[in-house]
Amino acid sequence: MAIIILGRDGVINENPSGGVKSIADWHPLPGSIEAMVQLSRAGYQLVIATNQSGLALGQFDLDDLEEIHARMRSQVEDGGGEIAAIFYCPHGPQDNCRCRKPQAGLLDAIEAEFDTSLHGGYLLGDKLADLELALVKGCKPVLVKTGAGEDTLRQLVESPNPRLAETAVFDDLAHFSQFLADH
């Protein structure tokens, strides 16, 4: 079963300026839950890879994060889909860890957990770090215009990395899901 890697904030849910710090801040983007259900029911394993520096910064704790993830999982399950796994980096930007995107640590952990290579699979994000991470592991980078996606699209145009020119761009997760369903 093919794995699709999804960013969380700005891809699946809204990403308010102060970040998602509690279940009260977590609101799925229109059509994102249904898109995840559609992808899951089509046989894709959905794995979320997300930077959660708010843990290191003391903005929320592990219980808050688990509550958010439980809500997201239950909404997908209520529609008949499944999130195969959620991997997150709990470190801050200054921690210089290997798991903070665009470093490959989260994807290395996913490959180890699922005993597979992610090479050639899709990685969806709304930030340049997501797209750079996709290239590090040989994934197909996909940019969604939700969240920071519009700003990232402008950065892509200015990017000196010619490999980023291959990035597929979709309005949102629902449009990506429909594209896969049609092909």
N, C-alpha and C. Protein backbone atom coordinates (compact mmCIF):
# COMPACT_ATOMS: atom_id res chain seq x y z
N MET A 1 0.83 -1.18 0.00
CA MET A 1 0.00 0.00 0.00
C MET A 1 0.88 1.25 0.00
N ALA A 2 0.66 2.16 -0.90
CA ALA A 2 1.46 3.39 -1.00
C ALA A 2 1.19 4.31 0.19
N ILE A 3 2.25 4.96 0.64
CA ILE A 3 2.15 5.92 1.74
C ILE A 3 2.13 7.32 1.16
N ILE A 4 1.24 8.15 1.67
CA ILE A 4 1.22 9.58 1.37
C ILE A 4 1.56 10.31 2.66
N ILE A 5 2.58 11.16 2.58
CA ILE A 5 2.99 11.95 3.74
C ILE A 5 2.28 13.30 3.67
N LEU A 6 1.65 13.68 4.77
CA LEU A 6 0.91 14.94 4.85
C LEU A 6 1.49 15.81 5.96
N GLY A 7 1.69 17.09 5.66
CA GLY A 7 1.93 18.03 6.73
C GLY A 7 0.62 18.21 7.47
N ARG A 8 0.64 18.81 8.64
CA ARG A 8 -0.61 18.96 9.39
C ARG A 8 -1.14 20.39 9.30
N ASP A 9 -0.49 21.31 9.98
CA ASP A 9 -0.97 22.68 10.05
C ASP A 9 -0.84 23.35 8.69
N GLY A 10 -1.96 23.85 8.18
CA GLY A 10 -1.98 24.50 6.89
C GLY A 10 -2.29 23.56 5.74
N VAL A 11 -2.26 22.26 6.00
CA VAL A 11 -2.59 21.25 4.98
C VAL A 11 -3.91 20.58 5.35
N ILE A 12 -4.00 20.09 6.58
CA ILE A 12 -5.20 19.42 7.08
C ILE A 12 -6.08 20.39 7.85
N ASN A 13 -5.46 21.22 8.65
CA ASN A 13 -6.20 22.15 9.49
C ASN A 13 -5.70 23.57 9.31
N GLU A 14 -6.53 24.51 9.73
CA GLU A 14 -6.15 25.92 9.72
C GLU A 14 -4.91 26.09 10.58
N ASN A 15 -4.12 27.10 10.26
CA ASN A 15 -2.93 27.40 11.05
C ASN A 15 -2.98 28.87 11.45
N PRO A 16 -3.66 29.15 12.57
CA PRO A 16 -3.80 30.55 12.99
C PRO A 16 -2.43 31.15 13.30
N SER A 17 -2.35 32.47 13.30
CA SER A 17 -1.07 33.15 13.49
C SER A 17 -0.37 32.76 14.79
N GLY A 18 -1.12 32.46 15.82
CA GLY A 18 -0.50 32.04 17.08
C GLY A 18 -0.23 30.55 17.15
N GLY A 19 -0.58 29.81 16.12
CA GLY A 19 -0.37 28.37 16.09
C GLY A 19 -1.53 27.62 16.71
N VAL A 20 -1.51 26.32 16.56
CA VAL A 20 -2.52 25.44 17.15
C VAL A 20 -1.96 24.94 18.47
N LYS A 21 -2.51 25.46 19.56
CA LYS A 21 -2.00 25.15 20.89
C LYS A 21 -2.91 24.26 21.71
N SER A 22 -4.16 24.13 21.27
CA SER A 22 -5.12 23.31 22.02
C SER A 22 -6.20 22.82 21.06
N ILE A 23 -7.03 21.95 21.56
CA ILE A 23 -8.14 21.43 20.75
C ILE A 23 -9.06 22.58 20.30
N ALA A 24 -9.16 23.64 21.08
CA ALA A 24 -9.99 24.78 20.71
C ALA A 24 -9.45 25.51 19.48
N ASP A 25 -8.15 25.40 19.22
CA ASP A 25 -7.51 26.05 18.07
C ASP A 25 -7.53 25.18 16.82
N TRP A 26 -7.89 23.91 16.96
CA TRP A 26 -7.79 22.97 15.84
C TRP A 26 -9.09 22.95 15.06
N HIS A 27 -9.02 23.41 13.80
CA HIS A 27 -10.18 23.43 12.91
C HIS A 27 -9.76 22.89 11.56
N PRO A 28 -10.36 21.79 11.11
CA PRO A 28 -9.97 21.25 9.80
C PRO A 28 -10.33 22.22 8.68
N LEU A 29 -9.48 22.25 7.67
CA LEU A 29 -9.77 23.04 6.48
C LEU A 29 -10.95 22.42 5.74
N PRO A 30 -11.74 23.22 5.05
CA PRO A 30 -12.88 22.67 4.31
C PRO A 30 -12.44 21.56 3.35
N GLY A 31 -13.09 20.41 3.46
CA GLY A 31 -12.83 19.28 2.57
C GLY A 31 -11.64 18.42 2.92
N SER A 32 -10.84 18.82 3.91
CA SER A 32 -9.62 18.05 4.20
C SER A 32 -9.92 16.69 4.83
N ILE A 33 -10.85 16.62 5.74
CA ILE A 33 -11.17 15.34 6.37
C ILE A 33 -11.75 14.39 5.33
N GLU A 34 -12.65 14.90 4.51
CA GLU A 34 -13.25 14.07 3.45
C GLU A 34 -12.19 13.59 2.46
N ALA A 35 -11.23 14.45 2.16
CA ALA A 35 -10.14 14.07 1.25
C ALA A 35 -9.30 12.96 1.85
N MET A 36 -9.02 13.05 3.15
CA MET A 36 -8.24 12.01 3.82
C MET A 36 -9.01 10.69 3.81
N VAL A 37 -10.30 10.76 4.04
CA VAL A 37 -11.14 9.56 3.99
C VAL A 37 -11.07 8.95 2.60
N GLN A 38 -11.22 9.78 1.57
CA GLN A 38 -11.19 9.30 0.19
C GLN A 38 -9.85 8.64 -0.12
N LEU A 39 -8.75 9.25 0.28
CA LEU A 39 -7.43 8.68 0.02
C LEU A 39 -7.25 7.36 0.76
N SER A 40 -7.66 7.34 2.00
CA SER A 40 -7.54 6.12 2.80
C SER A 40 -8.38 4.99 2.21
N ARG A 41 -9.60 5.30 1.84
CA ARG A 41 -10.48 4.28 1.28
C ARG A 41 -10.02 3.81 -0.10
N ALA A 42 -9.21 4.64 -0.78
CA ALA A 42 -8.64 4.25 -2.07
C ALA A 42 -7.40 3.37 -1.90
N GLY A 43 -7.02 3.13 -0.64
CA GLY A 43 -5.90 2.22 -0.39
C GLY A 43 -4.59 2.87 -0.01
N TYR A 44 -4.56 4.18 0.13
CA TYR A 44 -3.33 4.86 0.55
C TYR A 44 -3.21 4.85 2.07
N GLN A 45 -1.98 4.71 2.55
CA GLN A 45 -1.71 4.85 3.97
C GLN A 45 -1.34 6.31 4.21
N LEU A 46 -2.09 6.97 5.05
CA LEU A 46 -1.85 8.37 5.35
C LEU A 46 -0.98 8.49 6.59
N VAL A 47 0.15 9.17 6.43
CA VAL A 47 1.07 9.38 7.54
C VAL A 47 1.32 10.88 7.64
N ILE A 48 1.15 11.40 8.83
CA ILE A 48 1.35 12.82 9.06
C ILE A 48 2.74 13.04 9.62
N ALA A 49 3.45 14.02 9.06
CA ALA A 49 4.78 14.42 9.52
C ALA A 49 4.70 15.91 9.81
N THR A 50 4.89 16.28 11.07
CA THR A 50 4.64 17.67 11.47
C THR A 50 5.67 18.16 12.48
N ASN A 51 6.13 19.39 12.28
CA ASN A 51 6.96 20.07 13.27
C ASN A 51 6.02 20.63 14.34
N GLN A 52 6.32 20.34 15.60
CA GLN A 52 5.50 20.85 16.70
C GLN A 52 6.39 21.51 17.75
N SER A 53 7.02 22.60 17.34
CA SER A 53 7.95 23.32 18.22
C SER A 53 7.26 23.91 19.45
N GLY A 54 5.94 24.03 19.42
CA GLY A 54 5.22 24.53 20.59
C GLY A 54 5.46 23.68 21.83
N LEU A 55 5.78 22.41 21.63
CA LEU A 55 6.13 21.55 22.78
C LEU A 55 7.40 22.07 23.45
N ALA A 56 8.45 22.30 22.65
CA ALA A 56 9.72 22.77 23.20
C ALA A 56 9.61 24.18 23.78
N LEU A 57 8.73 24.96 23.19
CA LEU A 57 8.57 26.35 23.63
C LEU A 57 7.61 26.50 24.81
N GLY A 58 7.01 25.38 25.25
CA GLY A 58 6.10 25.41 26.39
C GLY A 58 4.74 26.01 26.08
N GLN A 59 4.37 26.09 24.80
CA GLN A 59 3.07 26.65 24.42
C GLN A 59 1.93 25.67 24.65
N PHE A 60 2.24 24.39 24.65
CA PHE A 60 1.27 23.33 24.95
C PHE A 60 2.05 22.11 25.39
N ASP A 61 1.33 21.12 25.93
CA ASP A 61 2.03 19.92 26.39
C ASP A 61 1.59 18.70 25.57
N LEU A 62 2.19 17.58 25.88
CA LEU A 62 1.93 16.36 25.12
C LEU A 62 0.46 15.95 25.18
N ASP A 63 -0.19 16.18 26.31
CA ASP A 63 -1.62 15.85 26.42
C ASP A 63 -2.45 16.68 25.44
N ASP A 64 -2.11 17.97 25.29
CA ASP A 64 -2.81 18.83 24.33
C ASP A 64 -2.61 18.30 22.90
N LEU A 65 -1.37 17.94 22.58
CA LEU A 65 -1.07 17.43 21.24
C LEU A 65 -1.81 16.14 20.97
N GLU A 66 -1.81 15.24 21.92
CA GLU A 66 -2.51 13.96 21.76
C GLU A 66 -4.02 14.16 21.61
N GLU A 67 -4.57 15.15 22.31
CA GLU A 67 -6.00 15.44 22.18
C GLU A 67 -6.34 15.94 20.77
N ILE A 68 -5.48 16.80 20.23
CA ILE A 68 -5.67 17.29 18.86
C ILE A 68 -5.61 16.13 17.88
N HIS A 69 -4.61 15.28 18.04
CA HIS A 69 -4.45 14.15 17.12
C HIS A 69 -5.58 13.14 17.26
N ALA A 70 -6.08 12.95 18.47
CA ALA A 70 -7.22 12.04 18.66
C ALA A 70 -8.46 12.58 17.96
N ARG A 71 -8.69 13.88 18.02
CA ARG A 71 -9.83 14.49 17.35
C ARG A 71 -9.71 14.30 15.83
N MET A 72 -8.52 14.55 15.30
CA MET A 72 -8.29 14.41 13.86
C MET A 72 -8.51 12.96 13.43
N ARG A 73 -7.93 12.03 14.18
CA ARG A 73 -8.11 10.61 13.86
C ARG A 73 -9.58 10.21 13.89
N SER A 74 -10.30 10.64 14.92
CA SER A 74 -11.70 10.23 15.06
C SER A 74 -12.55 10.79 13.93
N GLN A 75 -12.26 12.00 13.48
CA GLN A 75 -13.04 12.56 12.38
C GLN A 75 -12.80 11.77 11.08
N VAL A 76 -11.55 11.38 10.85
CA VAL A 76 -11.26 10.57 9.66
C VAL A 76 -11.91 9.19 9.80
N GLU A 77 -11.81 8.59 10.97
CA GLU A 77 -12.41 7.27 11.21
C GLU A 77 -13.93 7.31 11.08
N ASP A 78 -14.55 8.41 11.53
CA ASP A 78 -16.01 8.54 11.42
C ASP A 78 -16.46 8.50 9.97
N GLY A 79 -15.58 8.91 9.06
CA GLY A 79 -15.89 8.88 7.64
C GLY A 79 -15.52 7.57 6.96
N GLY A 80 -14.95 6.65 7.72
CA GLY A 80 -14.56 5.36 7.16
C GLY A 80 -13.12 5.29 6.69
N GLY A 81 -12.29 6.26 7.09
CA GLY A 81 -10.88 6.27 6.72
C GLY A 81 -10.00 5.99 7.92
N GLU A 82 -8.70 6.07 7.68
CA GLU A 82 -7.74 5.81 8.76
C GLU A 82 -6.48 6.62 8.53
N ILE A 83 -5.93 7.14 9.61
CA ILE A 83 -4.60 7.73 9.61
C ILE A 83 -3.67 6.64 10.11
N ALA A 84 -2.73 6.22 9.28
CA ALA A 84 -1.85 5.10 9.63
C ALA A 84 -0.91 5.45 10.77
N ALA A 85 -0.42 6.69 10.80
CA ALA A 85 0.52 7.10 11.85
C ALA A 85 0.69 8.61 11.84
N ILE A 86 1.13 9.13 12.98
CA ILE A 86 1.46 10.54 13.11
C ILE A 86 2.85 10.63 13.72
N PHE A 87 3.76 11.29 13.01
CA PHE A 87 5.11 11.50 13.49
C PHE A 87 5.29 13.00 13.66
N TYR A 88 5.91 13.41 14.77
CA TYR A 88 6.10 14.83 15.00
C TYR A 88 7.47 15.11 15.59
N CYS A 89 7.98 16.28 15.28
CA CYS A 89 9.22 16.77 15.87
C CYS A 89 8.83 17.68 17.02
N PRO A 90 9.28 17.36 18.25
CA PRO A 90 8.91 18.17 19.41
C PRO A 90 9.91 19.30 19.71
N HIS A 91 10.90 19.47 18.84
CA HIS A 91 11.99 20.41 19.11
C HIS A 91 11.71 21.79 18.54
N GLY A 92 12.44 22.76 19.08
CA GLY A 92 12.35 24.12 18.59
C GLY A 92 13.31 24.34 17.43
N PRO A 93 13.15 25.45 16.73
CA PRO A 93 13.99 25.73 15.57
C PRO A 93 15.48 25.81 15.90
N GLN A 94 15.84 26.22 17.11
CA GLN A 94 17.25 26.36 17.47
C GLN A 94 17.87 25.07 18.00
N ASP A 95 17.11 23.99 18.08
CA ASP A 95 17.62 22.75 18.68
C ASP A 95 18.53 21.95 17.75
N ASN A 96 18.56 22.28 16.48
CA ASN A 96 19.42 21.58 15.52
C ASN A 96 19.25 20.06 15.55
N CYS A 97 18.01 19.61 15.61
CA CYS A 97 17.73 18.18 15.64
C CYS A 97 17.63 17.63 14.22
N ARG A 98 17.65 16.33 14.08
CA ARG A 98 17.53 15.69 12.77
C ARG A 98 16.08 15.47 12.36
N CYS A 99 15.14 15.68 13.29
CA CYS A 99 13.74 15.38 12.95
C CYS A 99 12.94 16.61 12.54
N ARG A 100 13.51 17.78 12.67
CA ARG A 100 12.76 18.99 12.29
C ARG A 100 12.86 19.19 10.78
N LYS A 101 11.69 19.26 10.13
CA LYS A 101 11.69 19.50 8.69
C LYS A 101 12.41 20.81 8.39
N PRO A 102 13.28 20.86 7.40
CA PRO A 102 13.46 19.95 6.28
C PRO A 102 14.49 18.84 6.47
N GLN A 103 14.96 18.63 7.70
CA GLN A 103 15.85 17.49 7.94
C GLN A 103 15.06 16.20 7.76
N ALA A 104 15.74 15.10 7.49
CA ALA A 104 15.07 13.86 7.08
C ALA A 104 14.68 12.93 8.22
N GLY A 105 14.91 13.31 9.46
CA GLY A 105 14.67 12.40 10.58
C GLY A 105 13.26 11.83 10.67
N LEU A 106 12.23 12.66 10.46
CA LEU A 106 10.86 12.14 10.52
C LEU A 106 10.62 11.10 9.43
N LEU A 107 11.10 11.37 8.23
CA LEU A 107 10.90 10.41 7.14
C LEU A 107 11.73 9.15 7.35
N ASP A 108 12.92 9.30 7.94
CA ASP A 108 13.71 8.11 8.28
C ASP A 108 12.94 7.23 9.26
N ALA A 109 12.30 7.87 10.24
CA ALA A 109 11.52 7.12 11.24
C ALA A 109 10.31 6.44 10.59
N ILE A 110 9.67 7.12 9.65
CA ILE A 110 8.52 6.53 8.95
C ILE A 110 8.97 5.33 8.13
N GLU A 111 10.08 5.47 7.42
CA GLU A 111 10.60 4.34 6.64
C GLU A 111 10.92 3.15 7.54
N ALA A 112 11.52 3.41 8.70
CA ALA A 112 11.84 2.33 9.63
C ALA A 112 10.58 1.67 10.18
N GLU A 113 9.60 2.49 10.57
CA GLU A 113 8.36 1.97 11.14
C GLU A 113 7.59 1.11 10.14
N PHE A 114 7.54 1.54 8.89
CA PHE A 114 6.76 0.82 7.88
C PHE A 114 7.62 -0.13 7.03
N ASP A 115 8.92 -0.19 7.33
CA ASP A 115 9.85 -1.06 6.61
C ASP A 115 9.70 -0.89 5.10
N THR A 116 9.82 0.36 4.66
CA THR A 116 9.65 0.67 3.24
C THR A 116 10.48 1.90 2.89
N SER A 117 10.61 2.16 1.63
CA SER A 117 11.22 3.39 1.15
C SER A 117 10.10 4.34 0.74
N LEU A 118 10.29 5.60 1.02
CA LEU A 118 9.31 6.61 0.63
C LEU A 118 9.64 7.20 -0.74
N HIS A 119 10.74 6.75 -1.32
CA HIS A 119 11.17 7.25 -2.62
C HIS A 119 10.04 7.08 -3.65
N GLY A 120 9.72 8.17 -4.33
CA GLY A 120 8.68 8.13 -5.35
C GLY A 120 7.29 8.37 -4.84
N GLY A 121 7.11 8.42 -3.51
CA GLY A 121 5.79 8.68 -2.95
C GLY A 121 5.51 10.17 -2.86
N TYR A 122 4.28 10.51 -2.57
CA TYR A 122 3.87 11.91 -2.46
C TYR A 122 4.12 12.45 -1.06
N LEU A 123 4.58 13.71 -1.00
CA LEU A 123 4.69 14.43 0.26
C LEU A 123 4.03 15.79 0.06
N LEU A 124 2.95 16.04 0.80
CA LEU A 124 2.19 17.29 0.67
C LEU A 124 2.50 18.23 1.81
N GLY A 125 2.70 19.48 1.45
CA GLY A 125 2.94 20.49 2.46
C GLY A 125 2.56 21.86 1.95
N ASP A 126 2.63 22.83 2.86
CA ASP A 126 2.32 24.21 2.49
C ASP A 126 3.53 25.12 2.67
N LYS A 127 4.66 24.54 3.07
CA LYS A 127 5.86 25.33 3.33
C LYS A 127 7.04 24.80 2.52
N LEU A 128 7.99 25.66 2.28
CA LEU A 128 9.18 25.30 1.53
C LEU A 128 9.92 24.15 2.22
N ALA A 129 9.94 24.13 3.55
CA ALA A 129 10.62 23.05 4.28
C ALA A 129 10.03 21.68 3.91
N ASP A 130 8.71 21.61 3.70
CA ASP A 130 8.07 20.36 3.30
C ASP A 130 8.57 19.92 1.93
N LEU A 131 8.63 20.85 1.01
CA LEU A 131 9.03 20.53 -0.36
C LEU A 131 10.50 20.14 -0.42
N GLU A 132 11.33 20.84 0.36
CA GLU A 132 12.75 20.49 0.42
C GLU A 132 12.94 19.11 1.02
N LEU A 133 12.16 18.78 2.03
CA LEU A 133 12.21 17.45 2.64
C LEU A 133 11.85 16.38 1.62
N ALA A 134 10.84 16.65 0.82
CA ALA A 134 10.44 15.68 -0.21
C ALA A 134 11.62 15.37 -1.13
N LEU A 135 12.34 16.40 -1.54
CA LEU A 135 13.47 16.20 -2.44
C LEU A 135 14.59 15.42 -1.79
N VAL A 136 14.83 15.64 -0.49
CA VAL A 136 15.88 14.92 0.23
C VAL A 136 15.67 13.41 0.16
N LYS A 137 14.42 12.98 0.24
CA LYS A 137 14.09 11.55 0.26
C LYS A 137 13.60 11.01 -1.08
N GLY A 138 13.66 11.83 -2.12
CA GLY A 138 13.23 11.36 -3.43
C GLY A 138 11.72 11.22 -3.55
N CYS A 139 10.99 11.96 -2.73
CA CYS A 139 9.52 11.96 -2.82
C CYS A 139 9.08 12.96 -3.87
N LYS A 140 7.83 12.85 -4.28
CA LYS A 140 7.22 13.82 -5.19
C LYS A 140 6.68 14.97 -4.34
N PRO A 141 7.26 16.18 -4.49
CA PRO A 141 6.76 17.31 -3.70
C PRO A 141 5.44 17.82 -4.23
N VAL A 142 4.50 18.06 -3.31
CA VAL A 142 3.19 18.59 -3.66
C VAL A 142 2.91 19.77 -2.74
N LEU A 143 2.64 20.91 -3.34
CA LEU A 143 2.31 22.12 -2.59
C LEU A 143 0.81 22.34 -2.63
N VAL A 144 0.22 22.56 -1.46
CA VAL A 144 -1.17 22.99 -1.40
C VAL A 144 -1.17 24.48 -1.08
N LYS A 145 -2.12 25.22 -1.67
CA LYS A 145 -2.15 26.67 -1.52
C LYS A 145 -2.80 27.12 -0.22
N THR A 146 -3.24 26.19 0.60
CA THR A 146 -3.82 26.53 1.90
C THR A 146 -2.68 26.87 2.86
N GLY A 147 -3.03 27.35 4.04
CA GLY A 147 -2.01 27.69 5.03
C GLY A 147 -1.05 28.72 4.46
N ALA A 148 0.24 28.40 4.49
CA ALA A 148 1.28 29.29 3.96
C ALA A 148 1.56 29.03 2.48
N GLY A 149 0.72 28.23 1.85
CA GLY A 149 0.97 27.79 0.48
C GLY A 149 1.09 28.89 -0.55
N GLU A 150 0.27 29.92 -0.45
CA GLU A 150 0.36 31.02 -1.43
C GLU A 150 1.72 31.71 -1.33
N ASP A 151 2.19 31.97 -0.10
CA ASP A 151 3.51 32.57 0.09
C ASP A 151 4.60 31.63 -0.42
N THR A 152 4.44 30.35 -0.16
CA THR A 152 5.43 29.36 -0.61
C THR A 152 5.47 29.30 -2.13
N LEU A 153 4.33 29.44 -2.76
CA LEU A 153 4.29 29.43 -4.23
C LEU A 153 5.15 30.56 -4.79
N ARG A 154 5.09 31.74 -4.17
CA ARG A 154 5.94 32.85 -4.60
C ARG A 154 7.41 32.52 -4.39
N GLN A 155 7.74 31.84 -3.30
CA GLN A 155 9.13 31.45 -3.04
C GLN A 155 9.61 30.43 -4.08
N LEU A 156 8.71 29.56 -4.51
CA LEU A 156 9.09 28.56 -5.53
C LEU A 156 9.52 29.23 -6.81
N VAL A 157 8.82 30.27 -7.19
CA VAL A 157 9.14 30.99 -8.42
C VAL A 157 10.54 31.58 -8.34
N GLU A 158 10.92 32.02 -7.15
CA GLU A 158 12.22 32.67 -6.94
C GLU A 158 13.31 31.68 -6.56
N SER A 159 12.98 30.42 -6.33
CA SER A 159 13.94 29.45 -5.83
C SER A 159 15.03 29.13 -6.84
N PRO A 160 16.27 29.06 -6.38
CA PRO A 160 17.36 28.68 -7.27
C PRO A 160 17.43 27.16 -7.49
N ASN A 161 16.61 26.39 -6.77
CA ASN A 161 16.65 24.94 -6.88
C ASN A 161 15.78 24.49 -8.05
N PRO A 162 16.38 24.05 -9.15
CA PRO A 162 15.58 23.65 -10.32
C PRO A 162 14.71 22.43 -10.05
N ARG A 163 15.08 21.61 -9.08
CA ARG A 163 14.27 20.43 -8.76
C ARG A 163 12.91 20.82 -8.18
N LEU A 164 12.84 22.00 -7.55
CA LEU A 164 11.56 22.46 -7.00
C LEU A 164 10.59 22.87 -8.10
N ALA A 165 11.09 23.08 -9.30
CA ALA A 165 10.22 23.42 -10.43
C ALA A 165 9.28 22.27 -10.76
N GLU A 166 9.60 21.06 -10.32
CA GLU A 166 8.77 19.88 -10.57
C GLU A 166 7.63 19.74 -9.57
N THR A 167 7.53 20.67 -8.65
CA THR A 167 6.50 20.60 -7.61
C THR A 167 5.11 20.71 -8.21
N ALA A 168 4.27 19.76 -7.88
CA ALA A 168 2.85 19.83 -8.27
C ALA A 168 2.15 20.78 -7.31
N VAL A 169 1.24 21.58 -7.83
CA VAL A 169 0.54 22.57 -7.00
C VAL A 169 -0.96 22.33 -7.11
N PHE A 170 -1.62 22.27 -5.94
CA PHE A 170 -3.07 22.08 -5.87
C PHE A 170 -3.66 23.14 -4.95
N ASP A 171 -4.93 23.47 -5.18
CA ASP A 171 -5.59 24.45 -4.32
C ASP A 171 -5.62 23.99 -2.87
N ASP A 172 -5.86 22.70 -2.67
CA ASP A 172 -5.97 22.16 -1.31
C ASP A 172 -5.88 20.65 -1.35
N LEU A 173 -5.97 20.04 -0.19
CA LEU A 173 -5.89 18.58 -0.07
C LEU A 173 -7.02 17.90 -0.84
N ALA A 174 -8.19 18.49 -0.85
CA ALA A 174 -9.33 17.90 -1.58
C ALA A 174 -9.05 17.83 -3.07
N HIS A 175 -8.45 18.87 -3.64
CA HIS A 175 -8.13 18.86 -5.07
C HIS A 175 -7.05 17.83 -5.38
N PHE A 176 -6.08 17.65 -4.49
CA PHE A 176 -5.06 16.61 -4.68
C PHE A 176 -5.73 15.23 -4.65
N SER A 177 -6.60 15.01 -3.70
CA SER A 177 -7.30 13.73 -3.58
C SER A 177 -8.10 13.43 -4.84
N GLN A 178 -8.77 14.43 -5.36
CA GLN A 178 -9.54 14.25 -6.59
C GLN A 178 -8.65 13.94 -7.77
N PHE A 179 -7.48 14.59 -7.82
CA PHE A 179 -6.51 14.31 -8.88
C PHE A 179 -6.10 12.84 -8.85
N LEU A 180 -5.79 12.31 -7.67
CA LEU A 180 -5.40 10.90 -7.57
C LEU A 180 -6.55 9.99 -7.96
N ALA A 181 -7.76 10.36 -7.56
CA ALA A 181 -8.92 9.53 -7.90
C ALA A 181 -9.15 9.48 -9.41
N ASP A 182 -8.82 10.57 -10.10
CA ASP A 182 -9.03 10.64 -11.55
C ASP A 182 -7.92 10.00 -12.36
N HIS A 183 -6.79 9.67 -11.72
CA HIS A 183 -5.64 9.13 -12.46
C HIS A 183 -5.28 7.73 -12.04
